[in-house]
């Protein structure tokens, strides 16, 4: 399936290059096209900024939703988790997909055992390691109602990668809202006859 997708993408790029080759046969035509685009953007600045702000809000919402989706368990454990001491008892090799379909990575995922007031729980942590170091004591965060939901408590890594995504999404939304407010302020000044 991915091979078929790659072939279709290459054919689309080739067709686009052939189509645009005749239009941009000289550098003068290219410069002329860039100047026309600049003049259109400059003449339609308000419209372009409006669409840009909508794009910022959409991108910000996507970052926020994706960040909350991948970080909901970690956020729950950070907010309401119980800390206890655990021990890394083993490591398990795990393969996971890389950036390309044919690119697979692997890592050693620590298996941690800890004791709750009623049972002994064993779980596989989400963050792998390069070198196995069994019998290491670690601090564990777990959900008291569901002890199987647990992770090794790493103060900074508890927030990675979902925390920066949420911050970026919130930043994009705040910038877009600020832009909308400034546009409305400028529009109200113009309609009131102020300069």
Protein backbone atom coordinates (compact mmCIF):
# COMPACT_ATOMS: atom_id res chain seq x y z
CA UNK A 1 0.00 0.00 0.00
CA UNK A 2 2.79 2.44 0.89
CA UNK A 3 4.62 1.55 -2.35
CA UNK A 4 1.49 2.41 -4.32
CA UNK A 5 1.21 5.71 -2.44
CA UNK A 6 4.86 6.55 -3.17
CA UNK A 7 4.43 5.82 -6.88
CA UNK A 8 1.30 7.99 -7.03
CA UNK A 9 3.07 10.84 -5.22
CA UNK A 10 6.05 10.68 -7.59
CA UNK A 11 3.72 10.72 -10.61
CA UNK A 12 1.87 13.76 -9.21
CA UNK A 13 5.15 15.61 -8.65
CA UNK A 14 6.33 14.75 -12.16
CA UNK A 15 3.03 15.91 -13.70
CA UNK A 16 3.21 19.19 -11.78
CA UNK A 17 6.81 19.77 -12.91
CA UNK A 18 5.88 19.13 -16.55
CA UNK A 19 2.88 21.44 -16.29
CA UNK A 20 4.84 24.30 -14.73
CA UNK A 21 7.95 23.83 -16.88
CA UNK A 22 6.35 25.62 -19.80
CA UNK A 23 5.15 28.50 -17.63
CA UNK A 24 8.47 29.17 -15.96
CA UNK A 25 10.94 28.78 -18.78
CA UNK A 26 13.06 31.75 -17.80
CA UNK A 27 14.13 33.42 -14.60
CA UNK A 28 12.45 36.65 -15.75
CA UNK A 29 9.07 34.88 -15.78
CA UNK A 30 9.77 33.50 -12.33
CA UNK A 31 10.63 36.94 -10.97
CA UNK A 32 7.56 38.39 -12.66
CA UNK A 33 5.37 35.71 -11.05
CA UNK A 34 6.86 36.39 -7.62
CA UNK A 35 6.28 40.13 -8.03
CA UNK A 36 2.64 39.54 -9.02
CA UNK A 37 2.15 37.33 -5.98
CA UNK A 38 3.73 39.96 -3.73
CA UNK A 39 1.50 42.69 -5.16
CA UNK A 40 -1.61 40.56 -4.69
CA UNK A 41 -0.62 39.72 -1.09
CA UNK A 42 0.15 43.37 -0.36
CA UNK A 43 -3.16 44.50 -1.87
CA UNK A 44 -5.14 41.88 0.08
CA UNK A 45 -3.25 42.12 3.37
CA UNK A 46 -6.34 42.11 5.61
CA UNK A 47 -7.84 39.08 3.88
CA UNK A 48 -4.53 37.19 4.03
CA UNK A 49 -4.11 37.99 7.75
CA UNK A 50 -7.68 36.85 8.45
CA UNK A 51 -7.06 33.49 6.77
CA UNK A 52 -3.71 33.20 8.53
CA UNK A 53 -5.39 33.70 11.90
CA UNK A 54 -7.96 31.03 11.10
CA UNK A 55 -5.12 28.69 10.10
CA UNK A 56 -3.35 29.49 13.41
CA UNK A 57 -6.48 28.62 15.39
CA UNK A 58 -6.97 25.35 13.50
CA UNK A 59 -3.30 24.39 13.94
CA UNK A 60 -3.42 25.40 17.62
CA UNK A 61 -6.52 23.29 18.22
CA UNK A 62 -4.92 20.32 16.46
CA UNK A 63 -1.79 20.63 18.62
CA UNK A 64 -3.91 20.97 21.78
CA UNK A 65 -6.12 17.99 20.96
CA UNK A 66 -3.21 15.78 19.93
CA UNK A 67 -1.22 16.80 23.03
CA UNK A 68 -4.14 16.01 25.33
CA UNK A 69 -4.80 12.75 23.49
CA UNK A 70 -1.27 11.38 23.82
CA UNK A 71 -0.69 12.83 27.29
CA UNK A 72 -4.00 12.13 29.04
CA UNK A 73 -2.67 9.18 31.06
CA UNK A 74 0.51 11.01 32.06
CA UNK A 75 -1.45 14.12 33.02
CA UNK A 76 -3.81 12.02 35.12
CA UNK A 77 -0.86 10.38 36.89
CA UNK A 78 0.90 13.73 37.46
CA UNK A 79 -2.27 15.26 38.93
CA UNK A 80 -3.72 12.36 40.91
CA UNK A 81 -1.09 9.63 40.94
CA UNK A 82 0.35 8.01 44.04
CA UNK A 83 4.13 7.82 44.38
CA UNK A 84 5.83 4.70 45.61
CA UNK A 85 9.15 2.95 45.20
CA UNK A 86 9.61 0.31 42.54
CA UNK A 87 12.43 -1.71 41.06
CA UNK A 88 13.39 -2.38 37.46
CA UNK A 89 13.31 -6.16 37.24
CA UNK A 90 13.91 -6.69 33.53
CA UNK A 91 14.01 -5.10 30.09
CA UNK A 92 12.06 -6.05 27.00
CA UNK A 93 13.16 -5.32 23.42
CA UNK A 94 10.41 -3.58 21.55
CA UNK A 95 10.26 -2.50 17.91
CA UNK A 96 8.37 0.59 16.86
CA UNK A 97 7.86 2.34 13.52
CA UNK A 98 10.18 5.14 12.54
CA UNK A 99 9.65 8.10 10.23
CA UNK A 100 9.44 6.02 7.06
CA UNK A 101 7.33 2.90 6.59
CA UNK A 102 10.42 0.75 6.09
CA UNK A 103 12.30 2.34 9.01
CA UNK A 104 11.86 0.48 12.29
CA UNK A 105 13.60 1.29 15.54
CA UNK A 106 13.94 -0.72 18.69
CA UNK A 107 14.56 0.00 22.31
CA UNK A 108 14.87 -1.61 25.70
CA UNK A 109 11.69 -0.94 27.64
CA UNK A 110 12.07 -1.30 31.42
CA UNK A 111 9.80 -3.72 33.25
CA UNK A 112 9.09 -2.28 36.71
CA UNK A 113 7.66 -4.03 39.74
CA UNK A 114 6.12 -2.20 42.69
CA UNK A 115 3.84 -3.00 45.58
CA UNK A 116 0.50 -1.37 46.37
CA UNK A 117 -1.31 -1.89 49.68
CA UNK A 118 -3.13 -4.90 48.22
CA UNK A 119 -1.06 -6.37 45.37
CA UNK A 120 2.24 -6.52 43.55
CA UNK A 121 2.09 -4.84 40.15
CA UNK A 122 4.43 -5.18 37.20
CA UNK A 123 4.30 -2.87 34.17
CA UNK A 124 6.30 -1.90 31.10
CA UNK A 125 7.34 1.78 31.12
CA UNK A 126 6.82 4.01 28.09
CA UNK A 127 10.38 5.38 27.83
CA UNK A 128 13.08 3.05 26.66
CA UNK A 129 16.73 2.86 27.58
CA UNK A 130 19.95 2.19 25.67
CA UNK A 131 21.66 0.11 28.34
CA UNK A 132 19.91 -2.40 30.58
CA UNK A 133 20.43 -1.67 34.27
CA UNK A 134 18.29 -4.19 36.19
CA UNK A 135 17.66 -4.01 39.94
CA UNK A 136 17.63 -0.20 39.95
CA UNK A 137 15.21 1.44 42.38
CA UNK A 138 12.93 4.04 40.82
CA UNK A 139 10.05 6.24 41.91
CA UNK A 140 6.77 5.08 40.39
CA UNK A 141 3.59 7.08 39.79
CA UNK A 142 0.45 4.94 39.67
CA UNK A 143 -3.31 5.34 39.74
CA UNK A 144 -4.69 4.09 43.08
CA UNK A 145 -7.95 2.99 41.43
CA UNK A 146 -6.15 1.22 38.57
CA UNK A 147 -2.57 0.27 39.58
CA UNK A 148 -1.87 -1.11 36.08
CA UNK A 149 -1.79 2.52 34.91
CA UNK A 150 1.71 3.47 36.05
CA UNK A 151 4.96 5.04 34.90
CA UNK A 152 8.41 5.79 36.23
CA UNK A 153 8.38 9.29 37.72
CA UNK A 154 10.82 11.42 35.73
CA UNK A 155 10.14 15.10 36.57
CA UNK A 156 10.91 16.53 33.11
CA UNK A 157 10.24 13.50 30.92
CA UNK A 158 6.75 13.12 32.39
CA UNK A 159 5.77 16.09 30.20
CA UNK A 160 7.48 15.01 26.96
CA UNK A 161 6.30 15.06 24.11
CA UNK A 162 2.75 16.11 24.88
CA UNK A 163 3.48 19.11 27.14
CA UNK A 164 5.29 21.18 24.49
CA UNK A 165 2.52 20.36 22.00
CA UNK A 166 -0.09 21.76 24.36
CA UNK A 167 2.02 24.88 24.99
CA UNK A 168 2.54 25.39 21.23
CA UNK A 169 -1.19 24.94 20.56
CA UNK A 170 -2.13 27.42 23.29
CA UNK A 171 0.47 29.89 21.98
CA UNK A 172 -0.91 29.71 18.42
CA UNK A 173 -4.46 30.26 19.66
CA UNK A 174 -3.47 33.22 21.87
CA UNK A 175 -1.55 34.86 18.99
CA UNK A 176 -4.53 34.40 16.65
CA UNK A 177 -6.97 35.83 19.20
CA UNK A 178 -4.64 38.78 19.78
CA UNK A 179 -4.52 39.36 16.01
CA UNK A 180 -8.31 39.26 15.78
CA UNK A 181 -8.59 41.79 18.64
CA UNK A 182 -6.04 44.13 17.02
CA UNK A 183 -7.90 43.91 13.70
CA UNK A 184 -11.20 44.74 15.38
CA UNK A 185 -9.55 47.64 17.22
CA UNK A 186 -8.11 49.03 13.97
CA UNK A 187 -11.47 48.54 12.23
CA UNK A 188 -13.31 50.41 14.98
CA UNK A 189 -10.78 53.30 14.81
CA UNK A 190 -11.25 53.54 11.03
CA UNK A 191 -15.05 53.45 11.29
CA UNK A 192 -14.97 56.20 13.97
CA UNK A 193 -12.85 58.42 11.68
CA UNK A 194 -9.70 58.29 13.82
CA UNK A 195 -6.28 57.95 12.25
